[in-house]
Amino acid sequence: MDLKGLKDMGVKTIRIDFGYTEEEISTMSKNKYEIKIQLNASTITKEFFKTLDKFSPNYENIDALHNFYPRVGTGISEECMIRKNEILKERGIKVCAFVQSNNRKRSPMKDGLPTLEDHRDIDVKLASNHLFAIGNDCVFIGDSLPSQQELIDLSSLDKDCVELRINLKTDDGVCTKLLENKYSSRTDSARDAIRASESRLLLGNNKIKSYNTVDKKYGDITIDNEGYLRYMGELQILLINQQKDERTNVVASVLQEDFYLLKYIVEGKKFCFNKI
């Protein structure tokens, strides 16, 4: 299959939907014009890849993009997306998805163009943060006329870091500074909390005094004070309620609306905070 005509037109990616065999897709993936072949991430199956694998495609030249869904009630579920993404990631394929703009929705439906039904009418930044959290590599705004603020909000996100909105419960400079960093969840996951790998190291030679050592609730962010000796600077996001401990300061709390994001902060996953 000769793609020279498309190359001459400046085409850099061909999206494959229906009508091509696995052998044809494999052949196209090996084209000499550096044209990327893009699969429909929403419709791929394990059986499709079992057949495609037989023809030894060039997976380095293949990526995938989910559909967007104009009709209310037709967007895919989070569970479906995660299943499809896992199949793609097994082969090292980059995968992307859509969020809708709430600025000027595309006619004639004007109901937005998200991939996930859960994201219909949801803010661009919140929806995109969720897509990154569940393993998407990039995000497109489906509607063609997003606002300037929506573009700024999307560009501010780090695809490798789950952003959590928080309410501060401290004015301590040392602890406030610690909350400005990006962290990795420890690979030896605790039962009761998400533990930051880097916080004690980032504390440096600073000291943390005891304050706001109150009863702790799910979603609270704590930092251990000097009473915890070598654990001083330990930052955690609690996954259960706990009684107060004079050695542990409650410095912030995750917004309840973002609690659902905590389950994605698994071993090694990066996370950061956005003070509201």
Protein backbone atom coordinates (compact mmCIF):
# COMPACT_ATOMS: atom_id res chain seq x y z
CA MET A 1 0.00 0.00 0.00
CA ASP A 2 1.65 3.22 -1.22
CA LEU A 3 1.22 6.20 1.09
CA LYS A 4 3.32 8.60 -1.00
CA GLY A 5 0.29 10.63 -2.06
CA LEU A 6 -0.63 11.27 1.56
CA LYS A 7 2.99 12.14 2.39
CA ASP A 8 3.00 14.68 -0.45
CA MET A 9 -0.13 16.24 1.04
CA GLY A 10 1.64 16.69 4.39
CA VAL A 11 -0.29 13.97 6.22
CA LYS A 12 1.56 12.79 9.33
CA THR A 13 -0.98 10.38 10.83
CA ILE A 14 -3.60 8.07 9.34
CA ARG A 15 -6.46 7.06 11.63
CA ILE A 16 -7.68 3.55 10.87
CA ASP A 17 -11.32 2.91 11.68
CA PHE A 18 -13.21 0.20 9.78
CA GLY A 19 -12.52 -1.48 6.45
CA TYR A 20 -8.88 -2.55 6.72
CA THR A 21 -7.54 -6.00 7.51
CA GLU A 22 -4.91 -6.65 10.16
CA GLU A 23 -2.43 -7.50 7.40
CA GLU A 24 -3.06 -4.17 5.67
CA ILE A 25 -2.64 -2.28 8.94
CA SER A 26 0.65 -4.08 9.60
CA THR A 27 1.88 -3.21 6.11
CA MET A 28 0.95 0.45 6.58
CA SER A 29 2.79 0.55 9.91
CA LYS A 30 6.02 -0.23 8.05
CA ASN A 31 5.70 2.64 5.55
CA LYS A 32 8.88 4.49 4.62
CA TYR A 33 7.33 7.95 4.85
CA GLU A 34 7.24 8.15 8.67
CA ILE A 35 3.45 8.41 8.61
CA LYS A 36 1.99 7.27 11.93
CA ILE A 37 -0.82 4.72 11.93
CA GLN A 38 -3.50 5.47 14.51
CA LEU A 39 -5.90 2.84 15.84
CA ASN A 40 -9.36 3.44 17.28
CA ALA A 41 -8.63 2.83 20.96
CA SER A 42 -12.32 2.51 21.85
CA THR A 43 -12.98 -0.46 19.57
CA ILE A 44 -9.80 -2.57 19.68
CA THR A 45 -9.96 -6.08 21.15
CA LYS A 46 -7.53 -8.76 22.29
CA GLU A 47 -8.59 -10.86 19.30
CA PHE A 48 -7.70 -8.02 16.91
CA PHE A 49 -4.18 -7.86 18.32
CA LYS A 50 -3.73 -11.64 18.26
CA THR A 51 -4.29 -11.48 14.51
CA LEU A 52 -2.28 -8.29 14.02
CA ASP A 53 0.69 -9.77 15.88
CA LYS A 54 0.94 -12.54 13.27
CA PHE A 55 1.97 -9.95 10.68
CA SER A 56 4.74 -8.39 12.84
CA PRO A 57 3.63 -4.74 12.70
CA ASN A 58 5.95 -1.87 13.60
CA TYR A 59 4.41 -0.94 16.94
CA GLU A 60 6.79 2.00 17.28
CA ASN A 61 4.88 3.60 14.41
CA ILE A 62 1.41 2.94 15.85
CA ASP A 63 -0.56 5.02 18.35
CA ALA A 64 -4.22 5.01 19.40
CA LEU A 65 -6.96 7.57 19.98
CA HIS A 66 -10.34 6.94 21.57
CA ASN A 67 -13.57 8.07 19.95
CA PHE A 68 -15.61 11.04 21.09
CA TYR A 69 -19.35 10.62 21.52
CA PRO A 70 -21.77 13.45 20.54
CA ARG A 71 -24.96 11.73 21.76
CA VAL A 72 -25.77 11.82 25.47
CA GLY A 73 -25.49 8.36 27.01
CA THR A 74 -23.16 6.87 24.38
CA GLY A 75 -19.76 7.74 25.88
CA ILE A 76 -17.76 4.77 27.12
CA SER A 77 -17.31 3.81 30.76
CA GLU A 78 -14.13 4.21 32.77
CA GLU A 79 -13.94 0.41 33.09
CA CYS A 80 -14.09 0.01 29.31
CA MET A 81 -11.36 2.62 28.80
CA ILE A 82 -9.05 1.02 31.35
CA ARG A 83 -9.48 -2.40 29.70
CA LYS A 84 -8.71 -1.02 26.24
CA ASN A 85 -5.75 1.02 27.49
CA GLU A 86 -4.23 -2.02 29.20
CA ILE A 87 -4.35 -3.96 25.93
CA LEU A 88 -2.63 -1.09 24.12
CA LYS A 89 -0.02 -0.50 26.83
CA GLU A 90 1.01 -4.18 26.68
CA ARG A 91 2.39 -3.35 23.24
CA GLY A 92 3.84 0.02 24.18
CA ILE A 93 1.22 1.94 22.23
CA LYS A 94 0.60 5.56 23.20
CA VAL A 95 -3.10 6.23 23.81
CA CYS A 96 -5.09 9.46 23.90
CA ALA A 97 -8.70 10.50 24.57
CA PHE A 98 -11.11 13.43 24.31
CA VAL A 99 -12.68 15.87 26.74
CA GLN A 100 -15.36 18.37 25.81
CA SER A 101 -15.19 22.14 25.80
CA ASN A 102 -17.87 23.96 27.75
CA ASN A 103 -17.23 27.16 25.81
CA ARG A 104 -18.97 26.52 22.49
CA LYS A 105 -20.22 22.99 21.88
CA ARG A 106 -20.32 21.60 18.38
CA SER A 107 -23.59 21.58 16.43
CA PRO A 108 -26.03 20.01 15.84
CA MET A 109 -26.20 18.12 19.16
CA LYS A 110 -24.36 20.68 21.28
CA ASP A 111 -23.93 18.12 24.05
CA GLY A 112 -20.13 18.07 24.04
CA LEU A 113 -17.64 15.62 22.57
CA PRO A 114 -16.09 13.59 25.42
CA THR A 115 -14.81 10.03 25.32
CA LEU A 116 -16.08 9.10 28.79
CA GLU A 117 -19.77 9.61 29.48
CA ASP A 118 -18.77 10.58 33.03
CA HIS A 119 -17.06 13.65 31.56
CA ARG A 120 -20.07 15.13 29.78
CA ASP A 121 -20.48 18.75 30.97
CA ILE A 122 -17.41 18.38 33.21
CA ASP A 123 -14.69 21.05 33.41
CA VAL A 124 -11.79 20.47 30.98
CA LYS A 125 -9.11 20.40 33.67
CA LEU A 126 -10.98 18.00 35.96
CA ALA A 127 -11.80 15.62 33.12
CA SER A 128 -8.25 15.74 31.74
CA ASN A 129 -6.72 15.11 35.16
CA HIS A 130 -8.90 12.00 35.42
CA LEU A 131 -7.85 10.78 31.95
CA PHE A 132 -4.18 11.16 32.83
CA ALA A 133 -4.73 9.40 36.16
CA ILE A 134 -6.06 6.29 34.41
CA GLY A 135 -3.15 6.08 32.00
CA ASN A 136 -3.87 8.19 28.93
CA ASP A 137 -0.81 9.81 27.39
CA CYS A 138 -2.45 12.92 25.97
CA VAL A 139 -5.81 14.67 25.81
CA PHE A 140 -7.63 16.39 22.96
CA ILE A 141 -10.49 18.86 23.35
CA GLY A 142 -13.19 17.46 21.06
CA ASP A 143 -15.13 20.68 20.48
CA SER A 144 -13.24 22.96 18.13
CA LEU A 145 -13.60 26.31 19.93
CA PRO A 146 -12.31 25.95 23.51
CA SER A 147 -11.85 29.04 25.61
CA GLN A 148 -8.44 30.52 26.34
CA GLN A 149 -8.85 29.51 29.99
CA GLU A 150 -9.60 25.91 29.04
CA LEU A 151 -6.40 25.78 26.99
CA ILE A 152 -4.42 27.27 29.89
CA ASP A 153 -5.96 24.80 32.34
CA LEU A 154 -5.20 21.79 30.15
CA SER A 155 -1.63 22.89 29.45
CA SER A 156 -0.99 23.33 33.20
CA LEU A 157 -1.44 19.61 33.91
CA ASP A 158 1.38 17.08 34.13
CA LYS A 159 0.21 13.84 32.50
CA ASP A 160 2.40 11.79 34.83
CA CYS A 161 1.10 13.39 38.04
CA VAL A 162 -2.34 13.08 39.67
CA GLU A 163 -3.33 16.58 40.79
CA LEU A 164 -5.37 16.80 44.00
CA ARG A 165 -7.23 19.94 45.02
CA ILE A 166 -6.72 20.67 48.71
CA ASN A 167 -7.81 23.00 51.49
CA LEU A 168 -4.93 24.19 53.67
CA LYS A 169 -5.09 23.76 57.44
CA THR A 170 -1.73 25.34 58.19
CA ASP A 171 0.16 28.59 57.78
CA ASP A 172 3.49 27.02 58.71
CA GLY A 173 6.02 27.98 56.06
CA VAL A 174 7.94 24.70 56.10
CA CYS A 175 4.84 22.53 55.69
CA THR A 176 3.32 24.86 53.10
CA LYS A 177 6.53 24.60 51.08
CA LEU A 178 6.45 20.80 51.27
CA LEU A 179 2.94 20.84 49.81
CA GLU A 180 4.26 22.59 46.68
CA ASN A 181 6.35 19.60 45.58
CA LYS A 182 5.52 16.63 43.38
CA TYR A 183 5.75 13.26 45.09
CA SER A 184 5.88 9.57 44.26
CA SER A 185 3.75 7.08 46.12
CA ARG A 186 6.00 4.54 47.84
CA THR A 187 6.26 1.21 46.05
CA ASP A 188 5.68 -0.62 49.35
CA SER A 189 2.11 0.66 49.69
CA ALA A 190 0.82 1.12 53.22
CA ARG A 191 -2.63 -0.19 54.12
CA ASP A 192 -3.83 3.02 55.77
CA ALA A 193 -2.26 5.85 53.77
CA ILE A 194 -0.54 7.01 50.61
CA ARG A 195 3.05 7.69 51.68
CA ALA A 196 5.24 10.19 49.83
CA SER A 197 8.68 8.81 49.01
CA GLU A 198 10.54 12.12 48.95
CA SER A 199 9.12 14.34 51.70
CA ARG A 200 11.61 13.58 54.49
CA LEU A 201 14.50 14.16 52.12
CA LEU A 202 13.00 17.43 50.89
CA LEU A 203 12.61 18.65 54.47
CA GLY A 204 16.37 19.06 54.64
CA ASN A 205 17.57 20.69 57.86
CA ASN A 206 14.22 22.30 58.65
CA LYS A 207 12.28 21.49 61.82
CA ILE A 208 8.53 20.94 62.19
CA LYS A 209 6.88 21.87 65.47
CA SER A 210 3.76 20.19 66.82
CA TYR A 211 0.45 21.91 65.93
CA ASN A 212 -3.05 20.95 64.78
CA THR A 213 -2.62 17.42 66.09
CA VAL A 214 -6.33 16.65 65.85
CA ASP A 215 -8.34 13.56 64.95
CA LYS A 216 -7.62 12.65 61.33
CA LYS A 217 -10.13 11.80 58.62
CA TYR A 218 -10.05 10.07 55.25
CA GLY A 219 -8.42 12.42 52.74
CA ASP A 220 -6.49 14.43 55.33
CA ILE A 221 -2.87 15.23 54.50
CA THR A 222 -0.51 14.87 57.43
CA ILE A 223 3.14 15.68 58.06
CA ASP A 224 4.96 14.20 61.04
CA ASN A 225 6.53 16.72 63.43
CA GLU A 226 9.74 16.54 65.45
CA GLY A 227 8.04 14.30 68.00
CA TYR A 228 8.23 11.45 65.48
CA LEU A 229 12.05 11.69 65.45
CA ARG A 230 13.47 10.30 62.20
CA TYR A 231 9.99 10.29 60.63
CA MET A 232 9.81 14.09 60.85
CA GLY A 233 8.70 15.34 57.43
CA GLU A 234 6.82 12.13 56.55
CA LEU A 235 3.90 13.20 54.33
CA GLN A 236 0.82 11.01 54.03
CA ILE A 237 -2.66 11.12 52.53
CA LEU A 238 -4.93 9.14 54.83
CA LEU A 239 -7.10 6.33 53.50
CA ILE A 240 -8.85 5.71 56.84
CA ASN A 241 -9.95 7.77 59.84
CA GLN A 242 -7.38 7.88 62.67
CA GLN A 243 -7.28 9.20 66.21
CA LYS A 244 -5.12 12.21 66.95
CA ASP A 245 -1.41 11.71 67.54
CA GLU A 246 0.68 14.51 69.05
CA ARG A 247 3.49 13.54 66.68
CA THR A 248 1.49 14.15 63.50
CA ASN A 249 0.21 17.50 62.17
CA VAL A 250 -2.88 17.73 59.95
CA VAL A 251 -1.79 20.27 57.33
CA ALA A 252 -4.47 20.01 54.62
CA SER A 253 -7.36 17.95 53.33
CA VAL A 254 -8.21 16.71 49.84
CA LEU A 255 -11.48 18.09 48.48
CA GLN A 256 -14.20 15.48 48.77
CA GLU A 257 -14.86 15.85 45.03
CA ASP A 258 -11.33 14.54 44.40
CA PHE A 259 -11.50 11.53 46.72
CA TYR A 260 -12.09 9.27 43.72
CA LEU A 261 -8.60 10.11 42.42
CA LEU A 262 -6.88 8.57 45.45
CA LYS A 263 -7.42 5.03 44.16
CA TYR A 264 -5.23 5.80 41.14
CA ILE A 265 -2.22 6.80 43.26
CA VAL A 266 -0.71 3.34 43.35
CA GLU A 267 2.89 2.15 43.74
CA GLY A 268 5.27 4.69 42.19
CA LYS A 269 2.50 6.96 40.86
CA LYS A 270 3.28 10.67 41.11
CA PHE A 271 0.92 13.12 42.77
CA CYS A 272 0.83 16.85 43.53
CA PHE A 273 -1.43 19.38 45.20
CA ASN A 274 -3.43 22.38 44.03
CA LYS A 275 -4.28 24.72 46.91
CA ILE A 276 -7.84 26.04 46.65
